Amino acid sequence: MRNLVIGNKNYSSWSLRPWLLMKVKDVSFNEIKIPLYIEGSKRELLKYSPSGKVPALEFEGTSIWDSLAICEYIADVYPEKGCWPASINDRALARSISNEMHSGFFAIRNTLHMNCRKAITFKSITDELNSDIARICEIWRFCRQQYSHNGKFLFGEFTIADAMYAPIVLRFTSYGIEVGEIEREYMNNIFSITSLQEWILEGIQEKEHIAASEVEA
């Protein structure tokens, strides 16, 4: 049985990514949730991940950590699931925007912390934050304009790229970030995923409170 180790659903954007991919692609797993930033959490995480961070996947004696590495592993193990687009050029684009998400957008990461319980209009938009928001909207518009004939996600069918950007959809919603019509439609499509709705509900119901992620307007 596969064990996917995740953090708090209310806060852990990195945990959401492989969790959502595996849910959408119908890859069964046992969920192990370890609340973050409390006494003993690091020690418990080190049992599953040498980095001491979430997420981590245990599968057939192999340990994989880092959200994108886990997603790539699932794509390798289940090539029939379509975790990446079928065309080599489309896969290259999907990997490019996924890695851009994985390694960038620090203004969003450091300012608009994922918080499923949050519902405010964030007003302190710096130039750096505005630049990150604009770039993400540009990516979403381009992909939807190119691939909308194939389905309702970035490359038509749901791929790793959508899993990587799903937490941004939650962030933009939590903080009332204004986006264009195409981007809003894409966000609605992501929200239509039943398993994502389950994640949000469970995150809202969690009792843990991480002060550093409780951003005010």
Protein backbone atom coordinates (compact mmCIF):
# COMPACT_ATOMS: atom_id res chain seq x y z
CA MET A 1 0.00 0.00 0.00
CA ARG A 2 1.20 3.51 -0.76
CA ASN A 3 1.52 5.89 2.17
CA LEU A 4 1.28 9.60 1.37
CA VAL A 5 2.47 11.74 4.26
CA ILE A 6 0.96 15.23 4.32
CA GLY A 7 0.74 18.22 6.63
CA ASN A 8 -2.23 20.32 7.71
CA LYS A 9 -4.82 20.49 4.94
CA ASN A 10 -5.67 24.06 5.82
CA TYR A 11 -2.12 25.28 5.25
CA SER A 12 0.06 22.79 3.37
CA SER A 13 0.06 23.73 -0.31
CA TRP A 14 2.92 21.33 -1.04
CA SER A 15 0.95 18.43 0.42
CA LEU A 16 -2.10 19.26 -1.69
CA ARG A 17 -0.29 18.86 -5.01
CA PRO A 18 0.50 15.11 -5.08
CA TRP A 19 -2.60 14.34 -2.99
CA LEU A 20 -4.85 15.96 -5.60
CA LEU A 21 -3.04 14.33 -8.52
CA MET A 22 -3.41 10.88 -6.98
CA LYS A 23 -7.08 11.49 -6.18
CA VAL A 24 -7.96 12.75 -9.65
CA LYS A 25 -5.98 9.97 -11.34
CA ASP A 26 -7.52 7.32 -9.07
CA VAL A 27 -4.24 6.15 -7.56
CA SER A 28 -5.11 4.60 -4.20
CA PHE A 29 -3.07 5.52 -1.13
CA ASN A 30 -3.14 5.59 2.64
CA GLU A 31 -3.12 9.15 3.96
CA ILE A 32 -0.89 9.92 6.94
CA LYS A 33 -1.40 13.45 8.24
CA ILE A 34 1.19 14.98 10.56
CA PRO A 35 0.31 18.44 11.93
CA LEU A 36 3.15 20.88 11.29
CA TYR A 37 5.09 23.17 13.61
CA ILE A 38 4.13 21.46 16.86
CA GLU A 39 6.27 19.59 19.34
CA GLY A 40 7.41 16.30 17.89
CA SER A 41 6.23 16.93 14.32
CA LYS A 42 9.76 17.13 12.88
CA ARG A 43 10.74 13.91 14.61
CA GLU A 44 7.65 12.18 13.24
CA LEU A 45 8.25 13.49 9.73
CA LEU A 46 11.83 12.18 9.73
CA LYS A 47 10.40 8.66 9.97
CA TYR A 48 9.09 9.08 6.43
CA SER A 49 11.20 11.78 4.79
CA PRO A 50 14.94 12.46 5.15
CA SER A 51 14.18 16.15 4.54
CA GLY A 52 11.83 16.21 7.53
CA LYS A 53 9.26 17.95 5.35
CA VAL A 54 5.95 17.12 3.69
CA PRO A 55 4.89 15.62 1.43
CA ALA A 56 6.52 12.21 1.27
CA LEU A 57 5.45 9.00 -0.45
CA GLU A 58 6.26 5.45 0.62
CA PHE A 59 5.67 2.95 -2.17
CA GLU A 60 7.04 -0.58 -2.58
CA GLY A 61 10.01 0.07 -0.33
CA THR A 62 10.86 3.37 -2.00
CA SER A 63 10.68 6.74 -0.27
CA ILE A 64 10.05 9.83 -2.41
CA TRP A 65 9.90 13.34 -1.04
CA ASP A 66 9.19 16.74 -2.63
CA SER A 67 5.82 17.35 -4.26
CA LEU A 68 7.01 17.50 -7.86
CA ALA A 69 9.25 14.45 -7.45
CA ILE A 70 6.25 12.49 -6.14
CA CYS A 71 4.11 13.62 -9.06
CA GLU A 72 6.84 12.62 -11.52
CA TYR A 73 7.11 9.23 -9.82
CA ILE A 74 3.38 8.65 -10.16
CA ALA A 75 3.63 9.61 -13.85
CA ASP A 76 6.42 7.05 -14.32
CA VAL A 77 4.64 4.24 -12.47
CA TYR A 78 1.29 4.88 -14.17
CA PRO A 79 1.98 6.13 -17.71
CA GLU A 80 -1.57 5.18 -18.70
CA LYS A 81 -3.00 7.76 -16.26
CA GLY A 82 -2.02 10.73 -18.42
CA CYS A 83 -0.27 12.68 -15.67
CA TRP A 84 1.51 14.65 -18.39
CA PRO A 85 0.13 15.61 -21.83
CA ALA A 86 0.61 13.04 -24.59
CA SER A 87 2.50 15.27 -27.04
CA ILE A 88 6.22 15.74 -26.37
CA ASN A 89 5.97 19.49 -27.01
CA ASP A 90 2.93 19.81 -24.75
CA ARG A 91 4.77 17.83 -22.07
CA ALA A 92 7.72 20.21 -22.37
CA LEU A 93 5.43 23.20 -21.82
CA ALA A 94 3.62 21.49 -18.94
CA ARG A 95 6.93 20.67 -17.28
CA SER A 96 8.19 24.21 -17.83
CA ILE A 97 5.23 25.88 -16.12
CA SER A 98 5.19 23.24 -13.38
CA ASN A 99 8.84 23.83 -12.59
CA GLU A 100 8.29 27.59 -12.76
CA MET A 101 5.64 27.15 -10.08
CA HIS A 102 7.87 24.83 -8.08
CA SER A 103 10.87 27.15 -8.00
CA GLY A 104 9.41 30.66 -8.21
CA PHE A 105 6.64 33.05 -7.23
CA PHE A 106 8.23 33.90 -3.89
CA ALA A 107 6.14 37.04 -3.36
CA ILE A 108 2.99 34.92 -3.41
CA ARG A 109 4.52 32.21 -1.22
CA ASN A 110 5.73 34.70 1.37
CA THR A 111 2.63 36.92 1.37
CA LEU A 112 -0.48 34.92 0.45
CA HIS A 113 -0.10 31.82 2.61
CA MET A 114 -2.52 29.03 1.77
CA ASN A 115 -5.35 29.09 4.27
CA CYS A 116 -8.64 27.38 3.40
CA ARG A 117 -10.40 29.24 6.22
CA LYS A 118 -9.38 32.69 4.99
CA ALA A 119 -11.82 34.91 3.09
CA ILE A 120 -10.58 38.49 2.86
CA THR A 121 -9.72 41.13 0.27
CA PHE A 122 -5.96 41.55 0.46
CA LYS A 123 -5.02 45.13 -0.30
CA SER A 124 -1.26 45.33 0.29
CA ILE A 125 -0.31 44.39 -3.28
CA THR A 126 3.38 45.19 -3.79
CA ASP A 127 5.01 45.43 -7.21
CA GLU A 128 6.64 42.03 -6.64
CA LEU A 129 3.34 40.42 -5.68
CA ASN A 130 1.53 42.03 -8.59
CA SER A 131 4.21 40.72 -10.95
CA ASP A 132 3.76 37.16 -9.66
CA ILE A 133 -0.02 37.39 -9.99
CA ALA A 134 0.24 38.76 -13.53
CA ARG A 135 2.63 36.01 -14.60
CA ILE A 136 0.36 33.26 -13.28
CA CYS A 137 -2.63 34.81 -15.04
CA GLU A 138 -0.58 34.94 -18.23
CA ILE A 139 0.21 31.21 -17.94
CA TRP A 140 -3.40 30.30 -17.30
CA ARG A 141 -4.68 32.43 -20.21
CA PHE A 142 -2.13 31.05 -22.64
CA CYS A 143 -2.83 27.42 -21.78
CA ARG A 144 -6.59 27.82 -21.81
CA GLN A 145 -6.50 29.63 -25.15
CA GLN A 146 -4.32 26.88 -26.61
CA TYR A 147 -5.96 23.79 -25.12
CA SER A 148 -9.55 24.60 -24.16
CA HIS A 149 -10.79 22.43 -27.04
CA ASN A 150 -9.32 19.40 -25.24
CA GLY A 151 -11.07 19.95 -21.89
CA LYS A 152 -11.42 22.35 -18.99
CA PHE A 153 -7.94 22.31 -17.47
CA LEU A 154 -4.61 23.83 -18.51
CA PHE A 155 -3.89 21.18 -21.15
CA GLY A 156 -7.44 19.97 -21.51
CA GLU A 157 -7.35 16.92 -19.28
CA PHE A 158 -6.11 17.27 -15.68
CA THR A 159 -2.31 16.96 -15.47
CA ILE A 160 0.49 17.56 -13.00
CA ALA A 161 0.48 21.19 -14.13
CA ASP A 162 -3.03 21.63 -12.70
CA ALA A 163 -1.98 19.93 -9.46
CA MET A 164 0.93 22.37 -9.18
CA TYR A 165 -1.30 25.43 -9.66
CA ALA A 166 -4.29 24.25 -7.59
CA PRO A 167 -2.98 25.86 -4.36
CA ILE A 168 -2.73 29.17 -6.22
CA VAL A 169 -6.41 28.89 -7.07
CA LEU A 170 -7.13 28.51 -3.36
CA ARG A 171 -4.85 31.44 -2.49
CA PHE A 172 -6.39 33.78 -5.06
CA THR A 173 -9.83 32.91 -3.72
CA SER A 174 -8.88 33.30 -0.04
CA TYR A 175 -7.38 36.74 -0.61
CA GLY A 176 -9.86 38.11 -3.16
CA ILE A 177 -7.30 38.49 -5.94
CA GLU A 178 -8.85 39.95 -9.08
CA VAL A 179 -8.33 37.97 -12.29
CA GLY A 180 -9.70 38.04 -15.82
CA GLU A 181 -12.61 36.06 -17.24
CA ILE A 182 -10.48 33.24 -18.65
CA GLU A 183 -8.57 32.85 -15.40
CA ARG A 184 -11.78 32.91 -13.35
CA GLU A 185 -13.28 30.18 -15.51
CA TYR A 186 -10.17 28.06 -14.95
CA MET A 187 -10.36 28.63 -11.20
CA ASN A 188 -14.00 27.53 -11.24
CA ASN A 189 -12.98 24.40 -13.12
CA ILE A 190 -10.41 23.55 -10.47
CA PHE A 191 -12.97 24.15 -7.73
CA SER A 192 -15.35 21.76 -9.47
CA ILE A 193 -13.09 18.83 -8.57
CA THR A 194 -14.89 16.84 -5.86
CA SER A 195 -11.73 15.71 -4.10
CA LEU A 196 -10.50 19.31 -3.85
CA GLN A 197 -13.78 20.27 -2.20
CA GLU A 198 -13.22 17.45 0.29
CA TRP A 199 -9.70 18.73 1.02
CA ILE A 200 -10.99 22.27 1.62
CA LEU A 201 -13.76 21.11 3.95
CA GLU A 202 -11.38 18.98 5.99
CA GLY A 203 -8.88 21.85 6.12
CA ILE A 204 -11.51 24.25 7.42
CA GLN A 205 -12.47 21.76 10.12
CA GLU A 206 -8.92 21.32 11.42
CA LYS A 207 -8.22 22.67 14.90
CA GLU A 208 -4.54 23.55 14.46
CA HIS A 209 -3.65 27.23 14.19
CA ILE A 210 -0.37 28.35 12.57
CA ALA A 211 0.02 32.02 13.39
CA ALA A 212 2.55 32.75 10.61
CA SER A 213 -0.02 31.70 8.00
CA GLU A 214 -2.85 33.86 9.34
CA VAL A 215 -2.42 36.86 7.03
CA GLU A 216 -4.58 39.92 7.56
CA ALA A 217 -5.81 42.35 4.93
